[in-house]
Each structure stands twice: as structure tokens, then as C-alpha cells.
Amino acid sequence: MKLKKHIWAFCFSAALIAFTTYIALDTFVIPRVYKANATEMNTSMFSNIPKTTLDNSQSSGSVKNTSSADKSYRDENISISLTEYYENNTKIYVADVTLSSAEYLKTAFAKDSYGKNITETTSDMAEDKNAVFAVNGDYYGAQESGYVIRNGVVYRSTAKGADVLCVYTDGTLGIVSDSEYTADELVEKGVWQAFTFGPSLVEEGEVTVGVNDEVGKAMASNPRTAIGMIDTNRFVFVVSDGRTSESSGLSLYELAQFMQGLGVKTAYNLDGGGSSTMYFNGQVINNPTSGRGIKERGVSDIVYIG
């Protein structure tokens, strides 16, 4: 009888270990492709939206910078100016982006495939798309739920009870609850891109996070990536360093305050930590930390200009 009990206990333990290992691998390691060649762009959404003429007088916001913005790009539809700041013992990189149309604010998936645990570095994806500028996205591939709307196409319509950042075809940002609208309804309302990492940082010009708010089990100070809107078709992308001797990293509250100082009306937190990467004109601008030194890590998606 005792032997049977030992055998049963051993079998149960072995089954539990196997199941736990499978769940861990399925969640974090095993790639699953749901849609290959996921490169569709629903540009018909812009058919009735006129492009605007870029204004040469537009400049970055009011926070005092530590160096002049000597990195820039301009064509008839895109204007980008990069500036570096040093606040809260952290290097912060800001891209002030003005577009003639939100159609030029695009997204891409790793390996052009929608799925789970499919990753590439931000710079590799940016180069594949001939992007002028890019940052990492919301790492949708590590989540089982949360709306994924990219380039006007719905890839995941399962809500997760979270705030959704919407990039509208009219060149504005908005934050809605996924309990209010389905993913298809958002597209009908003109949502070109939607992200569900979060949280919201600034709404109507006011900071929406508290001093002690944080993402899940993340550390209080981290590398960060965020997007904000100053005005119609004028966006700021913010990436901070962190976890190094030179840069401590930012809390969510510090990030929100910084973006508020740039004059944003709306701002939203994207995936941070080792994912945080800013790419511009063929090179990585910040110092991404993979956990083993300064190095990019693979992510599931990017936001890019091009």
C-alpha cells in the first residue's frame, strides 16, 4: 500500500512538473503563427481625410533640454526632430513628429507574422520596412487578450478590461475602455492603430497615474517607451534609458510628468524595460538593456514612421 502511495505521489509530481513546464513554454517560448504575411494596410480609411501642410514653425515642447536637437528628418509628409534630455538621473530621448496624415504612423509585426512569441529586434523590423523612425510597440504577443488593431485591421478582438490607446485617422489620440466598444466598432469609428499595454499617463493635459502606480511586477524605475499627442497629427515619442550606472530609469509618474511638460494632451505607456528602443535614420538612438548589457532584445511589434 505504501509503495502504491509513493508511486502515485511520484506520478502526480511528474505530471504537475510537465504541465507547468508546458504552460511556461507555451506562454513565453513556443512561437505560434496565427497569420503569416500580416502586412495588410486598410488605407481606404483615409480616402475622405485631406492631408495637411506641414508647418515649419513647429518645435518641441517646454521642458528644458540638455542638448540641441541636431538630428532631424523632413519630407513633404513627415517632420521629425530628436532631442536628448537628462532628468531624474536618466537619459531621455524625445522625437517630435509632425505628419501630414496619420497614415504615416504605421505598425509592423515581427517577421511580418501575427502570433504568439514571434520576435525580432526593433531595428530589424524598422529596416525591413524602410522606416525613418521607430519605437517598440506594446508586445501584444506576450498577452492572450487585449485588442490588437494595426494599420486599420483587427487581429485580436478579445477585451481584457483595460484602457486602449487609439490612434485615429484624423490624427488624434484617444483612450477608451475596451468595455465600451468592440474592436470592430473602434475601426468603424476611425481607429487606425490600437494598443493595450498601458496605463494611460496623461488625458486632457492632466497626469492620470499616481506616484506609486506601476505596471504589474515591474521595478519602480525602468527604461520606458511612451507616445503622446501635442496636437492633431503632431506626436511625441519618448524613450528613456534605465538600469545602468548612467541612467536610473523613470517611474510611471515621472514619465507622465515629463510628458505633461512637453505639452501633450494625451499620453500612453507602451512596453518598457528591456524592450524600450528608439531607432532613427538607420541606428538605435538609446541604450536598450537586454539584461546582459547594452543590447536590443526581440519584441513582437513596432510603431514606425515611414
Protein backbone atom coordinates (compact mmCIF):
# COMPACT_ATOMS: atom_id res chain seq x y z
CA MET A 1 0.00 0.00 0.00
CA LYS A 2 2.84 2.40 0.92
CA LEU A 3 4.57 1.64 -2.38
CA LYS A 4 1.38 2.50 -4.31
CA LYS A 5 1.13 5.80 -2.44
CA HIS A 6 4.73 6.64 -3.32
CA ILE A 7 4.18 5.72 -6.97
CA TRP A 8 1.01 7.86 -7.08
CA ALA A 9 2.82 10.81 -5.46
CA PHE A 10 5.70 10.46 -7.91
CA CYS A 11 3.38 10.27 -10.92
CA PHE A 12 1.36 13.26 -9.72
CA SER A 13 4.53 15.33 -9.16
CA ALA A 14 5.90 14.37 -12.57
CA ALA A 15 2.61 15.29 -14.28
CA LEU A 16 2.47 18.60 -12.43
CA ILE A 17 6.04 19.49 -13.42
CA ALA A 18 5.35 18.53 -17.05
CA PHE A 19 2.17 20.59 -17.14
CA THR A 20 3.86 23.62 -15.52
CA THR A 21 6.78 23.37 -17.95
CA TYR A 22 4.42 23.18 -20.93
CA ILE A 23 2.44 26.21 -19.75
CA ALA A 24 5.65 28.19 -19.25
CA LEU A 25 6.98 27.22 -22.68
CA ASP A 26 3.65 27.89 -24.36
CA THR A 27 3.41 31.30 -22.69
CA PHE A 28 6.96 32.53 -23.15
CA VAL A 29 8.85 30.36 -25.66
CA ILE A 30 6.86 28.37 -28.21
CA PRO A 31 6.04 30.51 -31.27
CA ARG A 32 2.53 30.26 -32.71
CA VAL A 33 1.78 31.89 -36.03
CA TYR A 34 -1.88 32.83 -36.43
CA LYS A 35 -1.46 34.84 -39.61
CA ALA A 36 1.60 34.90 -41.84
CA ASN A 37 2.36 37.85 -44.12
CA ALA A 38 0.33 40.11 -41.83
CA THR A 39 1.15 43.27 -43.74
CA GLU A 40 -2.31 44.47 -44.78
CA MET A 41 -2.97 48.21 -44.57
CA ASN A 42 -6.54 49.45 -44.65
CA THR A 43 -5.59 52.78 -46.22
CA SER A 44 -9.11 53.20 -47.60
CA MET A 45 -9.88 54.66 -44.16
CA PHE A 46 -8.06 57.82 -45.27
CA SER A 47 -9.92 58.28 -48.56
CA ASN A 48 -12.02 61.19 -47.27
CA ILE A 49 -9.42 62.72 -44.96
CA PRO A 50 -7.34 65.51 -46.53
CA LYS A 51 -3.65 65.80 -45.80
CA THR A 52 -2.38 68.92 -44.09
CA THR A 53 0.59 71.08 -44.98
CA LEU A 54 3.49 70.81 -42.56
CA ASP A 55 4.26 73.93 -40.53
CA ASN A 56 7.94 74.86 -40.42
CA SER A 57 7.45 76.80 -37.19
CA GLN A 58 6.52 73.79 -35.05
CA SER A 59 9.08 72.86 -32.41
CA SER A 60 9.41 70.61 -29.38
CA GLY A 61 7.83 71.31 -26.01
CA SER A 62 8.71 73.36 -22.96
CA VAL A 63 10.93 71.02 -20.91
CA LYS A 64 14.49 72.35 -20.80
CA ASN A 65 16.73 70.12 -22.92
CA THR A 66 20.39 69.32 -22.27
CA SER A 67 21.48 69.37 -25.92
CA SER A 68 20.22 70.94 -29.11
CA ALA A 69 18.19 68.81 -31.46
CA ASP A 70 20.81 68.10 -34.12
CA LYS A 71 19.05 65.07 -35.52
CA SER A 72 16.17 65.70 -37.86
CA TYR A 73 14.37 64.49 -40.95
CA ARG A 74 11.91 66.20 -43.24
CA ASP A 75 10.00 65.50 -46.42
CA GLU A 76 6.64 66.73 -47.71
CA ASN A 77 4.68 64.47 -45.33
CA ILE A 78 6.97 63.86 -42.34
CA SER A 79 8.95 66.11 -40.00
CA ILE A 80 11.00 64.57 -37.17
CA SER A 81 13.24 66.30 -34.64
CA LEU A 82 15.16 64.42 -31.94
CA THR A 83 16.24 65.92 -28.63
CA GLU A 84 18.00 64.39 -25.62
CA TYR A 85 17.16 65.33 -22.04
CA TYR A 86 18.60 64.37 -18.67
CA GLU A 87 16.09 64.35 -15.85
CA ASN A 88 15.59 62.21 -12.74
CA ASN A 89 19.12 60.87 -13.19
CA THR A 90 18.06 59.40 -16.53
CA LYS A 91 18.73 59.99 -20.21
CA ILE A 92 15.50 60.61 -22.08
CA TYR A 93 15.12 60.70 -25.86
CA VAL A 94 12.26 62.61 -27.44
CA ALA A 95 11.14 62.52 -31.06
CA ASP A 96 8.86 65.38 -32.04
CA VAL A 97 6.95 64.08 -35.07
CA THR A 98 4.61 66.08 -37.30
CA LEU A 99 2.76 64.34 -40.12
CA SER A 100 0.59 65.48 -42.98
CA SER A 101 -1.63 62.47 -42.19
CA ALA A 102 -1.81 59.76 -39.53
CA GLU A 103 -1.46 57.32 -42.43
CA TYR A 104 2.32 57.70 -41.96
CA LEU A 105 2.13 56.46 -38.36
CA LYS A 106 2.33 52.75 -39.04
CA THR A 107 2.91 49.49 -37.22
CA ALA A 108 4.59 46.20 -38.09
CA PHE A 109 4.80 42.70 -36.66
CA ALA A 110 7.96 40.68 -36.11
CA LYS A 111 8.69 38.57 -39.20
CA ASP A 112 5.55 40.06 -40.79
CA SER A 113 3.52 37.48 -38.86
CA TYR A 114 0.77 37.88 -36.30
CA GLY A 115 1.08 35.37 -33.48
CA LYS A 116 2.50 34.47 -30.12
CA ASN A 117 6.19 34.58 -29.12
CA ILE A 118 7.30 35.73 -32.57
CA THR A 119 10.04 38.30 -32.08
CA GLU A 120 12.57 40.47 -33.86
CA THR A 121 14.55 43.48 -32.76
CA THR A 122 13.04 46.91 -33.29
CA SER A 123 15.89 47.90 -35.61
CA ASP A 124 15.50 44.79 -37.80
CA MET A 125 11.78 45.40 -38.22
CA ALA A 126 12.39 49.09 -38.93
CA GLU A 127 14.97 48.29 -41.58
CA ASP A 128 12.65 45.74 -43.18
CA LYS A 129 10.01 48.48 -43.53
CA ASN A 130 12.46 51.21 -44.64
CA ALA A 131 11.26 53.19 -41.65
CA VAL A 132 12.70 56.61 -40.94
CA PHE A 133 11.86 56.27 -37.26
CA ALA A 134 10.57 53.51 -34.97
CA VAL A 135 9.99 52.54 -31.35
CA ASN A 136 8.98 49.23 -29.83
CA GLY A 137 5.23 48.61 -29.55
CA ASP A 138 3.10 47.01 -26.84
CA TYR A 139 4.47 43.43 -27.08
CA TYR A 140 0.99 42.10 -27.85
CA GLY A 141 2.47 38.61 -28.44
CA ALA A 142 3.06 38.03 -24.72
CA GLN A 143 -0.63 38.51 -23.95
CA GLU A 144 -3.65 36.30 -24.52
CA SER A 145 -6.13 39.18 -24.69
CA GLY A 146 -6.35 42.89 -25.40
CA TYR A 147 -7.34 44.50 -28.68
CA VAL A 148 -4.80 44.38 -31.49
CA ILE A 149 -5.75 46.80 -34.28
CA ARG A 150 -2.89 47.54 -36.63
CA ASN A 151 -2.99 49.64 -39.79
CA GLY A 152 -6.79 49.56 -39.71
CA VAL A 153 -7.03 45.76 -39.43
CA VAL A 154 -8.39 43.85 -36.41
CA TYR A 155 -6.12 40.96 -35.41
CA ARG A 156 -7.40 40.34 -31.88
CA SER A 157 -10.82 41.32 -30.64
CA THR A 158 -10.72 39.85 -27.13
CA ALA A 159 -11.07 42.51 -24.44
CA LYS A 160 -9.04 42.34 -21.23
CA GLY A 161 -10.67 45.07 -19.17
CA ALA A 162 -8.07 47.70 -19.89
CA ASP A 163 -7.63 51.17 -21.31
CA VAL A 164 -6.96 51.16 -25.03
CA LEU A 165 -4.84 53.77 -26.79
CA CYS A 166 -6.46 54.64 -30.12
CA VAL A 167 -4.72 56.40 -32.99
CA TYR A 168 -7.49 57.83 -35.14
CA THR A 169 -7.36 58.55 -38.84
CA ASP A 170 -7.98 62.24 -38.13
CA GLY A 171 -4.55 62.45 -36.47
CA THR A 172 -5.64 62.42 -32.83
CA LEU A 173 -5.06 60.06 -29.91
CA GLY A 174 -7.81 58.88 -27.60
CA ILE A 175 -8.03 56.49 -24.66
CA VAL A 176 -11.13 54.34 -24.24
CA SER A 177 -12.11 51.35 -22.17
CA ASP A 178 -12.42 48.08 -24.07
CA SER A 179 -15.68 47.53 -22.17
CA GLU A 180 -17.20 50.43 -24.11
CA TYR A 181 -16.55 49.29 -27.68
CA THR A 182 -15.75 46.16 -29.61
CA ALA A 183 -12.64 46.17 -31.78
CA ASP A 184 -14.76 46.31 -34.94
CA GLU A 185 -16.69 49.29 -33.56
CA LEU A 186 -13.42 51.11 -32.95
CA VAL A 187 -12.37 50.60 -36.57
CA GLU A 188 -15.76 51.92 -37.66
CA LYS A 189 -15.03 55.00 -35.54
CA GLY A 190 -11.80 55.55 -37.44
CA VAL A 191 -9.24 53.79 -35.24
CA TRP A 192 -6.13 53.18 -37.32
CA GLN A 193 -3.97 51.70 -34.52
CA ALA A 194 -4.87 50.40 -31.05
CA PHE A 195 -2.59 49.35 -28.19
CA THR A 196 -3.40 47.74 -24.84
CA PHE A 197 -0.23 47.81 -22.72
CA GLY A 198 -0.80 50.97 -20.71
CA PRO A 199 -1.54 52.57 -18.49
CA SER A 200 -2.77 55.96 -19.60
CA LEU A 201 -0.30 58.66 -18.50
CA VAL A 202 -1.96 61.94 -19.47
CA GLU A 203 -5.52 62.76 -20.51
CA GLU A 204 -6.80 66.24 -21.34
CA GLY A 205 -3.41 67.55 -20.28
CA GLU A 206 -3.62 66.09 -16.75
CA VAL A 207 -1.46 63.32 -15.29
CA THR A 208 -3.55 60.17 -14.76
CA VAL A 209 -1.15 57.98 -12.75
CA GLY A 210 -0.20 58.23 -9.11
CA VAL A 211 3.23 58.38 -7.50
CA ASN A 212 3.13 54.67 -6.59
CA ASP A 213 1.48 53.28 -9.74
CA GLU A 214 3.41 50.65 -11.66
CA VAL A 215 2.98 48.05 -14.41
CA GLY A 216 2.43 44.60 -12.92
CA LYS A 217 5.53 43.47 -11.05
CA ALA A 218 7.89 45.92 -12.75
CA MET A 219 10.51 47.81 -10.77
CA ALA A 220 9.74 51.38 -9.70
CA SER A 221 12.33 52.83 -12.13
CA ASN A 222 12.67 51.40 -15.61
CA PRO A 223 13.55 52.10 -19.20
CA ARG A 224 10.30 53.42 -20.71
CA THR A 225 8.58 53.89 -24.06
CA ALA A 226 5.58 56.16 -24.48
CA ILE A 227 3.63 58.03 -27.14
CA GLY A 228 1.83 61.34 -26.75
CA MET A 229 -0.11 63.87 -28.80
CA ILE A 230 0.54 67.60 -28.70
CA ASP A 231 -1.91 68.50 -31.45
CA THR A 232 -3.61 66.94 -34.46
CA ASN A 233 -1.01 64.94 -36.41
CA ARG A 234 1.72 66.09 -34.04
CA PHE A 235 3.08 63.37 -31.78
CA VAL A 236 5.95 62.86 -29.37
CA PHE A 237 7.63 59.52 -28.83
CA VAL A 238 9.59 59.24 -25.59
CA VAL A 239 12.13 56.55 -24.72
CA SER A 240 14.23 56.57 -21.57
CA ASP A 241 17.29 54.60 -20.59
CA GLY A 242 17.46 52.80 -17.26
CA ARG A 243 19.03 50.01 -15.21
CA THR A 244 22.52 51.37 -15.89
CA SER A 245 25.08 53.32 -13.83
CA GLU A 246 24.40 56.37 -16.03
CA SER A 247 20.58 56.18 -16.02
CA SER A 248 18.39 55.02 -13.17
CA GLY A 249 15.20 54.89 -15.23
CA LEU A 250 11.82 56.52 -14.70
CA SER A 251 8.76 55.69 -12.66
CA LEU A 252 5.41 55.92 -14.44
CA TYR A 253 4.66 59.10 -12.54
CA GLU A 254 7.98 60.67 -13.56
CA LEU A 255 7.34 59.67 -17.17
CA ALA A 256 3.85 61.18 -17.05
CA GLN A 257 5.13 64.41 -15.53
CA PHE A 258 7.85 64.65 -18.15
CA MET A 259 5.38 64.18 -20.98
CA GLN A 260 3.00 66.68 -19.46
CA GLY A 261 5.90 69.13 -19.52
CA LEU A 262 6.24 68.56 -23.26
CA GLY A 263 2.73 69.91 -23.66
CA VAL A 264 0.91 66.71 -24.54
CA LYS A 265 -2.86 66.47 -24.35
CA THR A 266 -2.81 62.64 -24.29
CA ALA A 267 -0.02 60.18 -23.44
CA TYR A 268 0.14 56.43 -23.05
CA ASN A 269 2.72 53.95 -21.80
CA LEU A 270 3.95 51.24 -24.18
CA ASP A 271 6.12 48.23 -23.31
CA GLY A 272 9.24 49.23 -21.40
CA GLY A 273 12.16 47.59 -19.66
CA GLY A 274 14.41 45.65 -22.00
CA SER A 275 12.01 46.30 -24.87
CA SER A 276 12.48 50.10 -24.89
CA THR A 277 14.19 51.03 -28.14
CA MET A 278 14.28 54.12 -30.35
CA TYR A 279 15.51 53.84 -33.95
CA PHE A 280 16.18 56.75 -36.27
CA ASN A 281 17.80 57.02 -39.70
CA GLY A 282 19.46 53.61 -39.58
CA GLN A 283 20.65 53.47 -36.00
CA VAL A 284 19.47 52.78 -32.47
CA ILE A 285 19.43 56.06 -30.56
CA ASN A 286 19.07 54.95 -26.94
CA ASN A 287 20.85 52.30 -24.84
CA PRO A 288 18.47 49.31 -24.67
CA THR A 289 19.23 46.88 -21.88
CA SER A 290 18.65 43.20 -22.58
CA GLY A 291 19.59 42.15 -19.05
CA ARG A 292 23.07 41.22 -20.24
CA GLY A 293 24.48 44.60 -21.12
CA ILE A 294 23.51 47.21 -23.71
CA LYS A 295 21.77 45.24 -26.40
CA GLU A 296 18.39 45.11 -28.15
CA ARG A 297 16.02 42.32 -27.31
CA GLY A 298 13.43 40.86 -29.61
CA VAL A 299 9.88 42.22 -29.42
CA SER A 300 6.66 41.32 -31.19
CA ASP A 301 5.86 44.66 -32.85
CA ILE A 302 6.93 48.22 -33.58
CA VAL A 303 5.38 51.63 -34.18
CA TYR A 304 7.13 53.37 -37.05
CA ILE A 305 7.09 56.44 -39.26
CA GLY A 306 7.52 55.97 -42.97
